[in-house]
Amino acid sequence: MFLVWIGVTLLLLHVAGVAPFADWKWYWLMLPFGLALVWFEVFERVLGLDKKKGLDDVDKAKRKRIQKSLGDHAQEARKGRSRR
């Protein structure tokens, strides 16, 4: 994501006409976007970061279900004690 922000900043500086960036060729301004594309499409898959993010989401949902279930059981236990 850092590369995308660099690319957006460079484009804004180019369009605004800021001194050194206004004279740069367009392919230099698009380089960070190309590098970001390579990162997201190649390196994340090779390093397994895309699957890790997916597994983190599954794990978070699992923890939420467990907490909800434990909370429901605790409430039922409290109700059972109060009836006695």
C-alpha atoms as a PDB file:
ATOM      1  CA  MET A   1       0.000   0.000   0.000  1.00  0.00           C
ATOM      2  CA  PHE A   2       2.979   2.238   0.648  1.00  0.00           C
ATOM      3  CA  LEU A   3       3.926   2.102  -3.033  1.00  0.00           C
ATOM      4  CA  VAL A   4       0.429   3.152  -4.056  1.00  0.00           C
ATOM      5  CA  TRP A   5       0.606   6.204  -1.770  1.00  0.00           C
ATOM      6  CA  ILE A   6       3.986   7.137  -3.242  1.00  0.00           C
ATOM      7  CA  GLY A   7       2.535   6.841  -6.742  1.00  0.00           C
ATOM      8  CA  VAL A   8      -0.475   9.022  -5.895  1.00  0.00           C
ATOM      9  CA  THR A   9       1.800  11.627  -4.312  1.00  0.00           C
ATOM     10  CA  LEU A  10       4.077  11.699  -7.346  1.00  0.00           C
ATOM     11  CA  LEU A  11       1.095  12.072  -9.682  1.00  0.00           C
ATOM     12  CA  LEU A  12      -0.322  14.940  -7.627  1.00  0.00           C
ATOM     13  CA  LEU A  13       3.045  16.707  -7.573  1.00  0.00           C
ATOM     14  CA  HIS A  14       3.372  16.245 -11.342  1.00  0.00           C
ATOM     15  CA  VAL A  15      -0.105  17.563 -12.082  1.00  0.00           C
ATOM     16  CA  ALA A  16       0.380  20.487  -9.684  1.00  0.00           C
ATOM     17  CA  GLY A  17       3.578  21.418 -11.530  1.00  0.00           C
ATOM     18  CA  VAL A  18       5.971  21.154  -8.585  1.00  0.00           C
ATOM     19  CA  ALA A  19       9.499  21.791  -9.824  1.00  0.00           C
ATOM     20  CA  PRO A  20      11.385  18.518 -10.300  1.00  0.00           C
ATOM     21  CA  PHE A  21       8.279  16.334 -10.652  1.00  0.00           C
ATOM     22  CA  ALA A  22       6.623  18.394 -13.389  1.00  0.00           C
ATOM     23  CA  ASP A  23       9.420  17.494 -15.836  1.00  0.00           C
ATOM     24  CA  TRP A  24       9.398  13.755 -15.179  1.00  0.00           C
ATOM     25  CA  LYS A  25       8.211  11.360 -17.867  1.00  0.00           C
ATOM     26  CA  TRP A  26       4.947   9.493 -17.214  1.00  0.00           C
ATOM     27  CA  TYR A  27       6.608   6.087 -16.985  1.00  0.00           C
ATOM     28  CA  TRP A  28       8.632   7.248 -13.953  1.00  0.00           C
ATOM     29  CA  LEU A  29       5.413   8.369 -12.310  1.00  0.00           C
ATOM     30  CA  MET A  30       3.751   5.010 -12.999  1.00  0.00           C
ATOM     31  CA  LEU A  31       6.684   2.969 -11.676  1.00  0.00           C
ATOM     32  CA  PRO A  32       5.384   2.784  -8.055  1.00  0.00           C
ATOM     33  CA  PHE A  33       2.032   1.487  -9.322  1.00  0.00           C
ATOM     34  CA  GLY A  34       3.794  -1.200 -11.351  1.00  0.00           C
ATOM     35  CA  LEU A  35       5.879  -2.212  -8.359  1.00  0.00           C
ATOM     36  CA  ALA A  36       2.736  -2.358  -6.198  1.00  0.00           C
ATOM     37  CA  LEU A  37       1.082  -4.594  -8.795  1.00  0.00           C
ATOM     38  CA  VAL A  38       4.065  -6.931  -8.786  1.00  0.00           C
ATOM     39  CA  TRP A  39       4.058  -6.973  -4.981  1.00  0.00           C
ATOM     40  CA  PHE A  40       0.356  -7.791  -4.649  1.00  0.00           C
ATOM     41  CA  GLU A  41       0.217 -10.315  -7.480  1.00  0.00           C
ATOM     42  CA  VAL A  42       3.552 -12.102  -7.066  1.00  0.00           C
ATOM     43  CA  PHE A  43       5.274 -11.618  -3.725  1.00  0.00           C
ATOM     44  CA  GLU A  44       2.172 -11.893  -1.543  1.00  0.00           C
ATOM     45  CA  ARG A  45       1.328 -15.226  -3.145  1.00  0.00           C
ATOM     46  CA  VAL A  46       4.906 -16.504  -2.906  1.00  0.00           C
ATOM     47  CA  LEU A  47       5.213 -15.501   0.754  1.00  0.00           C
ATOM     48  CA  GLY A  48       1.724 -16.800   1.574  1.00  0.00           C
ATOM     49  CA  LEU A  49       0.515 -13.459   2.895  1.00  0.00           C
ATOM     50  CA  ASP A  50      -2.759 -13.650   0.972  1.00  0.00           C
ATOM     51  CA  LYS A  51      -3.702 -16.948   2.640  1.00  0.00           C
ATOM     52  CA  LYS A  52      -2.599 -15.667   6.034  1.00  0.00           C
ATOM     53  CA  LYS A  53      -5.041 -12.767   5.753  1.00  0.00           C
ATOM     54  CA  GLY A  54      -7.830 -15.159   4.854  1.00  0.00           C
ATOM     55  CA  LEU A  55      -7.005 -17.469   7.743  1.00  0.00           C
ATOM     56  CA  ASP A  56      -6.901 -14.495  10.128  1.00  0.00           C
ATOM     57  CA  ASP A  57     -10.466 -13.611   9.113  1.00  0.00           C
ATOM     58  CA  VAL A  58     -11.609 -17.187   9.693  1.00  0.00           C
ATOM     59  CA  ASP A  59      -9.858 -17.283  13.069  1.00  0.00           C
ATOM     60  CA  LYS A  60     -11.449 -13.976  14.105  1.00  0.00           C
ATOM     61  CA  ALA A  61     -14.922 -15.293  13.230  1.00  0.00           C
ATOM     62  CA  LYS A  62     -14.199 -18.501  15.154  1.00  0.00           C
ATOM     63  CA  ARG A  63     -13.161 -16.553  18.266  1.00  0.00           C
ATOM     64  CA  LYS A  64     -16.300 -14.431  18.005  1.00  0.00           C
ATOM     65  CA  ARG A  65     -18.517 -17.547  17.851  1.00  0.00           C
ATOM     66  CA  ILE A  66     -16.733 -19.053  20.852  1.00  0.00           C
ATOM     67  CA  GLN A  67     -17.135 -15.863  22.886  1.00  0.00           C
ATOM     68  CA  LYS A  68     -20.813 -15.660  21.959  1.00  0.00           C
ATOM     69  CA  SER A  69     -21.337 -19.294  22.890  1.00  0.00           C
ATOM     70  CA  LEU A  70     -19.522 -18.900  26.201  1.00  0.00           C
ATOM     71  CA  GLY A  71     -21.502 -15.759  26.921  1.00  0.00           C
ATOM     72  CA  ASP A  72     -24.795 -17.546  26.231  1.00  0.00           C
ATOM     73  CA  HIS A  73     -23.822 -20.421  28.532  1.00  0.00           C
ATOM     74  CA  ALA A  74     -22.795 -18.018  31.284  1.00  0.00           C
ATOM     75  CA  GLN A  75     -26.139 -16.211  31.066  1.00  0.00           C
ATOM     76  CA  GLU A  76     -28.024 -19.516  31.176  1.00  0.00           C
ATOM     77  CA  ALA A  77     -26.005 -20.553  34.233  1.00  0.00           C
ATOM     78  CA  ARG A  78     -26.850 -17.283  35.982  1.00  0.00           C
ATOM     79  CA  LYS A  79     -30.549 -17.713  35.182  1.00  0.00           C
ATOM     80  CA  GLY A  80     -30.472 -21.270  36.526  1.00  0.00           C
ATOM     81  CA  ARG A  81     -28.930 -20.129  39.835  1.00  0.00           C
ATOM     82  CA  SER A  82     -31.442 -17.327  40.275  1.00  0.00           C
ATOM     83  CA  ARG A  83     -34.414 -19.735  39.954  1.00  0.00           C
ATOM     84  CA  ARG A  84     -33.322 -21.783  42.962  1.00  0.00           C
END
